[in-house]
PDB file of N, CA and C in Angstrom:
ATOM      1  N   MET A   1       0.845  -1.186   0.000  1.00  0.00           N
ATOM      2  CA  MET A   1       0.000   0.000   0.000  1.00  0.00           C
ATOM      3  C   MET A   1       0.887   1.245   0.000  1.00  0.00           C
ATOM      4  N   MET A   2       0.619   2.119  -0.935  1.00  0.00           N
ATOM      5  CA  MET A   2       1.366   3.376  -1.025  1.00  0.00           C
ATOM      6  C   MET A   2       0.681   4.431  -0.163  1.00  0.00           C
ATOM      7  N   LYS A   3       1.501   5.244   0.502  1.00  0.00           N
ATOM      8  CA  LYS A   3       0.961   6.293   1.359  1.00  0.00           C
ATOM      9  C   LYS A   3       1.523   7.638   0.943  1.00  0.00           C
ATOM     10  N   ASP A   4       0.682   8.669   1.085  1.00  0.00           N
ATOM     11  CA  ASP A   4       1.117  10.019   0.736  1.00  0.00           C
ATOM     12  C   ASP A   4       1.947  10.613   1.873  1.00  0.00           C
ATOM     13  N   ALA A   5       2.309  11.885   1.736  1.00  0.00           N
ATOM     14  CA  ALA A   5       3.159  12.558   2.716  1.00  0.00           C
ATOM     15  C   ALA A   5       2.519  12.627   4.102  1.00  0.00           C
ATOM     16  N   LYS A   6       1.206  12.529   4.186  1.00  0.00           N
ATOM     17  CA  LYS A   6       0.510  12.565   5.480  1.00  0.00           C
ATOM     18  C   LYS A   6       0.210  11.165   6.008  1.00  0.00           C
ATOM     19  N   GLY A   7       0.660  10.123   5.282  1.00  0.00           N
ATOM     20  CA  GLY A   7       0.432   8.756   5.716  1.00  0.00           C
ATOM     21  C   GLY A   7      -0.906   8.174   5.297  1.00  0.00           C
ATOM     22  N   GLN A   8      -1.635   8.872   4.426  1.00  0.00           N
ATOM     23  CA  GLN A   8      -2.925   8.374   3.945  1.00  0.00           C
ATOM     24  C   GLN A   8      -2.701   7.457   2.747  1.00  0.00           C
ATOM     25  N   ALA A   9      -3.442   6.355   2.699  1.00  0.00           N
ATOM     26  CA  ALA A   9      -3.323   5.400   1.601  1.00  0.00           C
ATOM     27  C   ALA A   9      -3.756   6.046   0.286  1.00  0.00           C
ATOM     28  N   LEU A  10      -3.013   5.754  -0.786  1.00  0.00           N
ATOM     29  CA  LEU A  10      -3.354   6.250  -2.115  1.00  0.00           C
ATOM     30  C   LEU A  10      -3.960   5.124  -2.934  1.00  0.00           C
ATOM     31  N   LYS A  11      -4.948   5.479  -3.749  1.00  0.00           N
ATOM     32  CA  LYS A  11      -5.549   4.505  -4.659  1.00  0.00           C
ATOM     33  C   LYS A  11      -5.839   5.198  -5.983  1.00  0.00           C
ATOM     34  N   ALA A  12      -5.988   4.409  -7.037  1.00  0.00           N
ATOM     35  CA  ALA A  12      -6.279   4.964  -8.353  1.00  0.00           C
ATOM     36  C   ALA A  12      -7.549   5.816  -8.281  1.00  0.00           C
ATOM     37  N   GLY A  13      -7.509   6.982  -8.902  1.00  0.00           N
ATOM     38  CA  GLY A  13      -8.644   7.894  -8.907  1.00  0.00           C
ATOM     39  C   GLY A  13      -8.564   8.998  -7.870  1.00  0.00           C
ATOM     40  N   ASP A  14      -7.640   8.882  -6.902  1.00  0.00           N
ATOM     41  CA  ASP A  14      -7.488   9.943  -5.892  1.00  0.00           C
ATOM     42  C   ASP A  14      -6.983  11.219  -6.554  1.00  0.00           C
ATOM     43  N   ARG A  15      -7.525  12.336  -6.135  1.00  0.00           N
ATOM     44  CA  ARG A  15      -7.028  13.637  -6.573  1.00  0.00           C
ATOM     45  C   ARG A  15      -5.900  14.018  -5.618  1.00  0.00           C
ATOM     46  N   VAL A  16      -4.772  14.435  -6.180  1.00  0.00           N
ATOM     47  CA  VAL A  16      -3.595  14.725  -5.368  1.00  0.00           C
ATOM     48  C   VAL A  16      -2.937  16.015  -5.831  1.00  0.00           C
ATOM     49  N   ARG A  17      -2.051  16.516  -4.975  1.00  0.00           N
ATOM     50  CA  ARG A  17      -1.185  17.625  -5.376  1.00  0.00           C
ATOM     51  C   ARG A  17       0.222  17.298  -4.878  1.00  0.00           C
ATOM     52  N   ILE A  18       1.188  17.923  -5.472  1.00  0.00           N
ATOM     53  CA  ILE A  18       2.582  17.675  -5.120  1.00  0.00           C
ATOM     54  C   ILE A  18       2.941  18.523  -3.910  1.00  0.00           C
ATOM     55  N   VAL A  19       3.661  17.930  -2.961  1.00  0.00           N
ATOM     56  CA  VAL A  19       4.108  18.638  -1.756  1.00  0.00           C
ATOM     57  C   VAL A  19       4.916  19.866  -2.201  1.00  0.00           C
ATOM     58  N   PRO A  20       4.682  21.038  -1.581  1.00  0.00           N
ATOM     59  CA  PRO A  20       5.327  22.282  -2.043  1.00  0.00           C
ATOM     60  C   PRO A  20       6.840  22.190  -2.243  1.00  0.00           C
ATOM     61  N   GLU A  21       7.579  21.510  -1.370  1.00  0.00           N
ATOM     62  CA  GLU A  21       9.035  21.482  -1.529  1.00  0.00           C
ATOM     63  C   GLU A  21       9.506  20.667  -2.738  1.00  0.00           C
ATOM     64  N   TRP A  22       8.611  19.896  -3.356  1.00  0.00           N
ATOM     65  CA  TRP A  22       8.969  19.101  -4.542  1.00  0.00           C
ATOM     66  C   TRP A  22       8.326  19.643  -5.813  1.00  0.00           C
ATOM     67  N   GLN A  23       7.628  20.756  -5.724  1.00  0.00           N
ATOM     68  CA  GLN A  23       6.928  21.312  -6.883  1.00  0.00           C
ATOM     69  C   GLN A  23       7.873  22.039  -7.828  1.00  0.00           C
ATOM     70  N   ASP A  24       7.523  21.970  -9.114  1.00  0.00           N
ATOM     71  CA  ASP A  24       8.131  22.819 -10.128  1.00  0.00           C
ATOM     72  C   ASP A  24       7.243  24.056 -10.233  1.00  0.00           C
ATOM     73  N   PRO A  25       7.744  25.135 -10.848  1.00  0.00           N
ATOM     74  CA  PRO A  25       6.892  26.311 -11.025  1.00  0.00           C
ATOM     75  C   PRO A  25       5.593  25.935 -11.752  1.00  0.00           C
ATOM     76  N   ASP A  26       4.496  26.478 -11.291  1.00  0.00           N
ATOM     77  CA  ASP A  26       3.165  26.277 -11.881  1.00  0.00           C
ATOM     78  C   ASP A  26       2.584  24.878 -11.691  1.00  0.00           C
ATOM     79  N   ASP A  27       3.166  24.050 -10.825  1.00  0.00           N
ATOM     80  CA  ASP A  27       2.603  22.710 -10.585  1.00  0.00           C
ATOM     81  C   ASP A  27       1.179  22.771 -10.041  1.00  0.00           C
ATOM     82  N   ASP A  28       0.853  23.817  -9.312  1.00  0.00           N
ATOM     83  CA  ASP A  28      -0.501  23.932  -8.759  1.00  0.00           C
ATOM     84  C   ASP A  28      -1.523  24.386  -9.806  1.00  0.00           C
ATOM     85  N   ALA A  29      -1.070  24.688 -11.012  1.00  0.00           N
ATOM     86  CA  ALA A  29      -1.985  25.174 -12.046  1.00  0.00           C
ATOM     87  C   ALA A  29      -2.890  24.060 -12.586  1.00  0.00           C
ATOM     88  N   PHE A  30      -2.497  22.793 -12.401  1.00  0.00           N
ATOM     89  CA  PHE A  30      -3.255  21.679 -12.967  1.00  0.00           C
ATOM     90  C   PHE A  30      -3.654  20.683 -11.897  1.00  0.00           C
ATOM     91  N   GLU A  31      -4.811  20.092 -12.098  1.00  0.00           N
ATOM     92  CA  GLU A  31      -5.283  19.040 -11.208  1.00  0.00           C
ATOM     93  C   GLU A  31      -4.584  17.737 -11.589  1.00  0.00           C
ATOM     94  N   ARG A  32      -4.276  16.916 -10.601  1.00  0.00           N
ATOM     95  CA  ARG A  32      -3.633  15.627 -10.846  1.00  0.00           C
ATOM     96  C   ARG A  32      -4.438  14.519 -10.199  1.00  0.00           C
ATOM     97  N   ILE A  33      -4.454  13.368 -10.866  1.00  0.00           N
ATOM     98  CA  ILE A  33      -5.110  12.203 -10.287  1.00  0.00           C
ATOM     99  C   ILE A  33      -4.143  11.023 -10.327  1.00  0.00           C
ATOM    100  N   VAL A  34      -4.299  10.144  -9.348  1.00  0.00           N
ATOM    101  CA  VAL A  34      -3.498   8.913  -9.322  1.00  0.00           C
ATOM    102  C   VAL A  34      -4.095   7.968 -10.355  1.00  0.00           C
ATOM    103  N   TYR A  35      -3.237   7.459 -11.233  1.00  0.00           N
ATOM    104  CA  TYR A  35      -3.692   6.549 -12.282  1.00  0.00           C
ATOM    105  C   TYR A  35      -3.351   5.100 -11.946  1.00  0.00           C
ATOM    106  N   GLU A  36      -2.149   4.867 -11.438  1.00  0.00           N
ATOM    107  CA  GLU A  36      -1.716   3.491 -11.163  1.00  0.00           C
ATOM    108  C   GLU A  36      -0.957   3.439  -9.847  1.00  0.00           C
ATOM    109  N   VAL A  37      -1.284   2.425  -9.037  1.00  0.00           N
ATOM    110  CA  VAL A  37      -0.619   2.213  -7.755  1.00  0.00           C
ATOM    111  C   VAL A  37      -0.107   0.775  -7.720  1.00  0.00           C
ATOM    112  N   PRO A  38       1.184   0.556  -8.003  1.00  0.00           N
ATOM    113  CA  PRO A  38       1.717  -0.801  -7.946  1.00  0.00           C
ATOM    114  C   PRO A  38       1.738  -1.330  -6.508  1.00  0.00           C
ATOM    115  N   LYS A  39       1.761  -2.635  -6.366  1.00  0.00           N
ATOM    116  CA  LYS A  39       1.784  -3.233  -5.027  1.00  0.00           C
ATOM    117  C   LYS A  39       3.139  -3.041  -4.348  1.00  0.00           C
ATOM    118  N   GLU A  40       4.209  -2.921  -5.132  1.00  0.00           N
ATOM    119  CA  GLU A  40       5.555  -2.768  -4.569  1.00  0.00           C
ATOM    120  C   GLU A  40       6.208  -1.506  -5.101  1.00  0.00           C
ATOM    121  N   GLY A  41       7.289  -1.117  -4.466  1.00  0.00           N
ATOM    122  CA  GLY A  41       8.011   0.090  -4.863  1.00  0.00           C
ATOM    123  C   GLY A  41       7.505   1.275  -4.065  1.00  0.00           C
ATOM    124  N   GLY A  42       7.937   2.451  -4.432  1.00  0.00           N
ATOM    125  CA  GLY A  42       7.524   3.633  -3.690  1.00  0.00           C
ATOM    126  C   GLY A  42       6.887   4.706  -4.546  1.00  0.00           C
ATOM    127  N   SER A  43       6.669   4.385  -5.835  1.00  0.00           N
ATOM    128  CA  SER A  43       6.152   5.386  -6.761  1.00  0.00           C
ATOM    129  C   SER A  43       4.758   5.033  -7.262  1.00  0.00           C
ATOM    130  N   VAL A  44       4.019   6.077  -7.646  1.00  0.00           N
ATOM    131  CA  VAL A  44       2.708   5.915  -8.269  1.00  0.00           C
ATOM    132  C   VAL A  44       2.724   6.696  -9.577  1.00  0.00           C
ATOM    133  N   MET A  45       1.835   6.322 -10.497  1.00  0.00           N
ATOM    134  CA  MET A  45       1.708   7.081 -11.742  1.00  0.00           C
ATOM    135  C   MET A  45       0.569   8.075 -11.567  1.00  0.00           C
ATOM    136  N   ILE A  46       0.845   9.343 -11.922  1.00  0.00           N
ATOM    137  CA  ILE A  46      -0.189  10.371 -11.857  1.00  0.00           C
ATOM    138  C   ILE A  46      -0.390  10.967 -13.239  1.00  0.00           C
ATOM    139  N   TRP A  47      -1.589  11.481 -13.463  1.00  0.00           N
ATOM    140  CA  TRP A  47      -1.933  12.207 -14.679  1.00  0.00           C
ATOM    141  C   TRP A  47      -2.177  13.657 -14.303  1.00  0.00           C
ATOM    142  N   ALA A  48      -1.672  14.565 -15.115  1.00  0.00           N
ATOM    143  CA  ALA A  48      -1.986  15.987 -14.973  1.00  0.00           C
ATOM    144  C   ALA A  48      -3.137  16.284 -15.935  1.00  0.00           C
ATOM    145  N   LEU A  49      -4.251  16.758 -15.398  1.00  0.00           N
ATOM    146  CA  LEU A  49      -5.417  17.046 -16.231  1.00  0.00           C
ATOM    147  C   LEU A  49      -5.304  18.469 -16.770  1.00  0.00           C
ATOM    148  N   ILE A  50      -4.906  18.561 -18.039  1.00  0.00           N
ATOM    149  CA  ILE A  50      -4.667  19.854 -18.682  1.00  0.00           C
ATOM    150  C   ILE A  50      -5.737  20.069 -19.750  1.00  0.00           C
ATOM    151  N   PRO A  51      -6.535  21.127 -19.608  1.00  0.00           N
ATOM    152  CA  PRO A  51      -7.579  21.394 -20.607  1.00  0.00           C
ATOM    153  C   PRO A  51      -6.990  21.466 -22.011  1.00  0.00           C
ATOM    154  N   GLY A  52      -7.668  20.822 -22.953  1.00  0.00           N
ATOM    155  CA  GLY A  52      -7.232  20.844 -24.337  1.00  0.00           C
ATOM    156  C   GLY A  52      -6.326  19.685 -24.733  1.00  0.00           C
ATOM    157  N   PHE A  53      -5.805  18.960 -23.770  1.00  0.00           N
ATOM    158  CA  PHE A  53      -4.964  17.805 -24.073  1.00  0.00           C
ATOM    159  C   PHE A  53      -5.850  16.580 -24.197  1.00  0.00           C
ATOM    160  N   GLU A  54      -5.763  15.889 -25.329  1.00  0.00           N
ATOM    161  CA  GLU A  54      -6.552  14.676 -25.519  1.00  0.00           C
ATOM    162  C   GLU A  54      -6.052  13.557 -24.600  1.00  0.00           C
ATOM    163  N   TYR A  55      -4.732  13.486 -24.454  1.00  0.00           N
ATOM    164  CA  TYR A  55      -4.114  12.477 -23.581  1.00  0.00           C
ATOM    165  C   TYR A  55      -3.348  13.203 -22.487  1.00  0.00           C
ATOM    166  N   PRO A  56      -3.714  12.992 -21.235  1.00  0.00           N
ATOM    167  CA  PRO A  56      -3.038  13.718 -20.164  1.00  0.00           C
ATOM    168  C   PRO A  56      -1.598  13.250 -19.985  1.00  0.00           C
ATOM    169  N   PRO A  57      -0.683  14.187 -19.712  1.00  0.00           N
ATOM    170  CA  PRO A  57       0.697  13.796 -19.431  1.00  0.00           C
ATOM    171  C   PRO A  57       0.729  12.922 -18.174  1.00  0.00           C
ATOM    172  N   ALA A  58       1.538  11.884 -18.220  1.00  0.00           N
ATOM    173  CA  ALA A  58       1.659  10.962 -17.085  1.00  0.00           C
ATOM    174  C   ALA A  58       3.096  10.968 -16.589  1.00  0.00           C
ATOM    175  N   GLU A  59       3.251  10.747 -15.296  1.00  0.00           N
ATOM    176  CA  GLU A  59       4.595  10.638 -14.727  1.00  0.00           C
ATOM    177  C   GLU A  59       4.568   9.745 -13.493  1.00  0.00           C
ATOM    178  N   TRP A  60       5.683   9.091 -13.264  1.00  0.00           N
ATOM    179  CA  TRP A  60       5.869   8.330 -12.033  1.00  0.00           C
ATOM    180  C   TRP A  60       6.478   9.269 -11.014  1.00  0.00           C
ATOM    181  N   ILE A  61       5.950   9.237  -9.795  1.00  0.00           N
ATOM    182  CA  ILE A  61       6.418  10.126  -8.737  1.00  0.00           C
ATOM    183  C   ILE A  61       6.385   9.381  -7.405  1.00  0.00           C
ATOM    184  N   GLN A  62       7.305   9.723  -6.534  1.00  0.00           N
ATOM    185  CA  GLN A  62       7.329   9.114  -5.207  1.00  0.00           C
ATOM    186  C   GLN A  62       6.004   9.391  -4.511  1.00  0.00           C
ATOM    187  N   ALA A  63       5.392   8.370  -3.963  1.00  0.00           N
ATOM    188  CA  ALA A  63       4.090   8.523  -3.304  1.00  0.00           C
ATOM    189  C   ALA A  63       4.171   9.531  -2.153  1.00  0.00           C
ATOM    190  N   ASN A  64       5.280   9.549  -1.435  1.00  0.00           N
ATOM    191  CA  ASN A  64       5.387  10.462  -0.290  1.00  0.00           C
ATOM    192  C   ASN A  64       5.691  11.907  -0.703  1.00  0.00           C
ATOM    193  N   TRP A  65       5.697  12.191  -1.990  1.00  0.00           N
ATOM    194  CA  TRP A  65       5.795  13.566  -2.491  1.00  0.00           C
ATOM    195  C   TRP A  65       4.437  14.137  -2.800  1.00  0.00           C
ATOM    196  N   LEU A  66       3.379  13.381  -2.514  1.00  0.00           N
ATOM    197  CA  LEU A  66       2.008  13.780  -2.835  1.00  0.00           C
ATOM    198  C   LEU A  66       1.192  13.994  -1.570  1.00  0.00           C
ATOM    199  N   ILE A  67       0.136  14.780  -1.706  1.00  0.00           N
ATOM    200  CA  ILE A  67      -0.857  14.984  -0.647  1.00  0.00           C
ATOM    201  C   ILE A  67      -2.228  14.819  -1.275  1.00  0.00           C
ATOM    202  N   ARG A  68      -3.073  14.041  -0.599  1.00  0.00           N
ATOM    203  CA  ARG A  68      -4.466  13.897  -1.069  1.00  0.00           C
ATOM    204  C   ARG A  68      -5.266  15.103  -0.689  1.00  0.00           C
TER     205      ARG A  68
END
């Protein structure tokens, strides 16, 4: 089970944001959702929901860098 920076369990479909100390400029401009949560490892796949994009950009990120 992957947990966010506050120790809350993450699951596919959760809306999340990146912890401020790990953010790039303008990271708060887009909503992100958890897409995939593997059973092992420490990372989850998130999608950034950007208006006008047919396919949302995806990235693997450390689960403890996120907040639900």
